[in-house]
Amino acid sequence: MKRTTSAGILSIAALAVAALAGAGLNGAAEAQDKGPFANQIAARHGIMLYRAMNIGALGAMAKGEVAYDAAAAQKAADNLAAAAHLDDSMLWPEGSDNGAHAGTIALPALWADKAGFDAKYADFRAATEAMQGAAGQGLEALQAEMGKLGPTCGACHKAYRAPTN
């Protein structure tokens, strides 16, 4: 992964603030009303949305839905890699699954198969690093890495996320 710059650190801090603010958590009382893990669930939703936004920008370029822009592709890939390398372990407390909380689609299998989850997440992180190295290098490089990144997202979602339809 590229060395984190002060702008990268600010982006990560802004991400954390946006995740909590966007979830509408205005204090401990409101969080308690939503359950014991409301803050963790809201924060991980925010991080997932942030990742999805950056993957969407890359995917739109890869599919030709928007014109390839090397600077924009690099920015999205840098953001994605930074978000993938956050230590978000405190956002996944045992008991914060969809069997215990209606506000999440995380399946209990995530905690039951911790080794499998960790392996899939390591694959995702590696794919974000590869995308970071390729995104600004041309459309063909972006497309090649997009073909590798997408399946790493799907592997985790298929195993550990409840269907959303």
Protein backbone atom coordinates (compact mmCIF):
# COMPACT_ATOMS: atom_id res chain seq x y z
CA MET A 1 0.00 0.00 0.00
CA LYS A 2 1.18 3.51 -0.65
CA ARG A 3 2.41 5.48 2.33
CA THR A 4 -0.40 7.37 4.02
CA THR A 5 -0.19 11.13 3.57
CA SER A 6 -1.71 13.80 5.77
CA ALA A 7 -4.48 14.11 3.17
CA GLY A 8 -5.09 10.37 3.49
CA ILE A 9 -5.28 10.62 7.25
CA LEU A 10 -7.74 13.50 6.93
CA SER A 11 -9.82 11.43 4.50
CA ILE A 12 -9.94 8.57 6.98
CA ALA A 13 -10.93 10.92 9.81
CA ALA A 14 -13.62 12.48 7.62
CA LEU A 15 -14.88 9.00 6.78
CA ALA A 16 -15.30 8.13 10.43
CA VAL A 17 -17.12 11.38 11.18
CA ALA A 18 -19.35 11.01 8.13
CA ALA A 19 -20.21 7.42 9.01
CA LEU A 20 -21.45 8.42 12.43
CA ALA A 21 -23.08 11.69 11.38
CA GLY A 22 -24.77 10.09 8.38
CA ALA A 23 -26.26 7.45 10.61
CA GLY A 24 -27.93 10.12 12.69
CA LEU A 25 -26.41 9.08 16.00
CA ASN A 26 -26.81 12.19 18.11
CA GLY A 27 -25.76 10.93 21.48
CA ALA A 28 -25.64 7.98 23.80
CA ALA A 29 -29.38 8.01 24.54
CA GLU A 30 -30.31 7.60 20.87
CA ALA A 31 -27.67 4.88 20.41
CA GLN A 32 -29.05 2.98 23.40
CA ASP A 33 -32.55 3.14 21.90
CA LYS A 34 -31.17 1.36 18.82
CA GLY A 35 -29.45 -1.37 20.80
CA PRO A 36 -26.11 -2.02 22.41
CA PHE A 37 -24.16 -2.07 19.13
CA ALA A 38 -25.87 0.81 17.30
CA ASN A 39 -22.68 2.86 16.96
CA GLN A 40 -20.64 -0.07 15.66
CA ILE A 41 -23.32 -1.09 13.16
CA ALA A 42 -23.79 2.48 11.92
CA ALA A 43 -20.04 2.98 11.53
CA ARG A 44 -19.55 -0.22 9.57
CA HIS A 45 -22.49 0.69 7.32
CA GLY A 46 -20.82 4.04 6.67
CA ILE A 47 -17.53 2.39 5.81
CA MET A 48 -19.26 -0.05 3.46
CA LEU A 49 -21.06 2.83 1.72
CA TYR A 50 -17.79 4.72 1.36
CA ARG A 51 -16.12 1.66 -0.16
CA ALA A 52 -19.09 1.12 -2.48
CA MET A 53 -18.95 4.76 -3.64
CA ASN A 54 -15.29 4.40 -4.62
CA ILE A 55 -15.78 0.99 -6.21
CA GLY A 56 -18.73 2.44 -8.13
CA ALA A 57 -16.58 5.23 -9.53
CA LEU A 58 -13.96 2.71 -10.64
CA GLY A 59 -16.57 0.34 -12.04
CA ALA A 60 -18.29 3.07 -14.03
CA MET A 61 -14.98 3.88 -15.72
CA ALA A 62 -14.17 0.21 -16.29
CA LYS A 63 -17.56 -0.36 -17.96
CA GLY A 64 -17.29 2.78 -20.08
CA GLU A 65 -20.30 4.40 -18.39
CA VAL A 66 -18.12 7.44 -17.71
CA ALA A 67 -14.93 8.52 -19.40
CA TYR A 68 -11.72 7.19 -17.90
CA ASP A 69 -9.99 9.86 -15.82
CA ALA A 70 -6.61 8.79 -14.44
CA ALA A 71 -6.65 11.28 -11.55
CA ALA A 72 -10.20 10.39 -10.50
CA ALA A 73 -9.46 6.67 -10.79
CA GLN A 74 -6.34 7.03 -8.68
CA LYS A 75 -8.20 9.03 -6.04
CA ALA A 76 -10.96 6.40 -5.82
CA ALA A 77 -8.40 3.59 -5.63
CA ASP A 78 -6.39 5.41 -2.94
CA ASN A 79 -9.56 6.00 -0.92
CA LEU A 80 -10.61 2.39 -1.29
CA ALA A 81 -7.24 1.04 -0.21
CA ALA A 82 -7.14 3.40 2.79
CA ALA A 83 -10.62 2.31 3.86
CA ALA A 84 -9.74 -1.36 3.39
CA HIS A 85 -6.75 -0.99 5.68
CA LEU A 86 -8.55 0.64 8.60
CA ASP A 87 -8.46 -1.41 11.76
CA ASP A 88 -12.21 -1.79 11.99
CA SER A 89 -12.11 -4.80 14.32
CA MET A 90 -13.94 -2.90 17.07
CA LEU A 91 -16.90 -2.49 14.71
CA TRP A 92 -17.60 -6.22 14.66
CA PRO A 93 -18.42 -7.23 18.25
CA GLU A 94 -19.88 -10.67 18.69
CA GLY A 95 -23.64 -10.40 19.01
CA SER A 96 -23.99 -7.56 16.47
CA ASP A 97 -25.33 -9.84 13.75
CA ASN A 98 -28.72 -9.76 12.03
CA GLY A 99 -30.04 -12.48 14.31
CA ALA A 100 -29.66 -10.12 17.25
CA HIS A 101 -30.19 -6.71 15.57
CA ALA A 102 -32.61 -5.73 12.84
CA GLY A 103 -30.35 -2.86 11.73
CA THR A 104 -27.71 -5.07 10.12
CA ILE A 105 -27.45 -7.69 7.40
CA ALA A 106 -24.27 -9.24 8.81
CA LEU A 107 -24.89 -12.96 9.26
CA PRO A 108 -23.86 -14.88 12.39
CA ALA A 109 -21.62 -16.93 10.06
CA LEU A 110 -19.15 -14.04 10.08
CA TRP A 111 -18.32 -14.74 13.73
CA ALA A 112 -18.70 -18.51 13.47
CA ASP A 113 -16.16 -18.66 10.62
CA LYS A 114 -13.64 -16.02 11.76
CA ALA A 115 -10.75 -17.70 9.92
CA GLY A 116 -12.72 -17.77 6.67
CA PHE A 117 -13.75 -14.14 7.09
CA ASP A 118 -10.16 -13.08 7.81
CA ALA A 119 -8.93 -14.91 4.69
CA LYS A 120 -11.58 -13.31 2.48
CA TYR A 121 -10.85 -9.88 3.93
CA ALA A 122 -7.11 -10.35 3.30
CA ASP A 123 -7.94 -11.12 -0.35
CA PHE A 124 -10.02 -7.92 -0.54
CA ARG A 125 -7.20 -5.85 0.95
CA ALA A 126 -4.71 -7.32 -1.52
CA ALA A 127 -7.08 -6.54 -4.39
CA THR A 128 -7.41 -2.92 -3.23
CA GLU A 129 -3.62 -2.61 -3.18
CA ALA A 130 -3.40 -4.00 -6.71
CA MET A 131 -6.13 -1.59 -7.82
CA GLN A 132 -4.26 1.28 -6.18
CA GLY A 133 -1.21 0.42 -8.26
CA ALA A 134 -3.15 0.13 -11.50
CA ALA A 135 -6.03 2.60 -11.46
CA GLY A 136 -4.12 5.64 -12.68
CA GLN A 137 -2.12 3.69 -15.25
CA GLY A 138 -4.75 3.50 -17.97
CA LEU A 139 -8.18 2.08 -18.67
CA GLU A 140 -6.90 -1.41 -19.51
CA ALA A 141 -5.01 -1.66 -16.22
CA LEU A 142 -8.07 -0.47 -14.32
CA GLN A 143 -10.31 -2.98 -16.08
CA ALA A 144 -7.92 -5.86 -15.37
CA GLU A 145 -7.85 -5.11 -11.65
CA MET A 146 -11.60 -4.46 -11.49
CA GLY A 147 -12.09 -8.02 -12.73
CA LYS A 148 -10.11 -9.20 -9.70
CA LEU A 149 -11.51 -6.77 -7.11
CA GLY A 150 -15.20 -7.48 -7.68
CA PRO A 151 -15.02 -11.17 -6.81
CA THR A 152 -13.29 -10.42 -3.50
CA CYS A 153 -16.25 -8.27 -2.46
CA GLY A 154 -18.71 -10.92 -3.61
CA ALA A 155 -16.93 -13.74 -1.78
CA CYS A 156 -17.40 -12.03 1.56
CA HIS A 157 -20.93 -10.82 0.84
CA LYS A 158 -22.12 -14.24 -0.32
CA ALA A 159 -20.81 -15.92 2.82
CA TYR A 160 -21.45 -13.30 5.49
CA ARG A 161 -24.20 -10.91 4.34
CA ALA A 162 -27.91 -11.60 4.27
CA PRO A 163 -29.61 -11.08 0.91
CA THR A 164 -30.89 -7.53 0.51
CA ASN A 165 -33.66 -8.15 -2.01
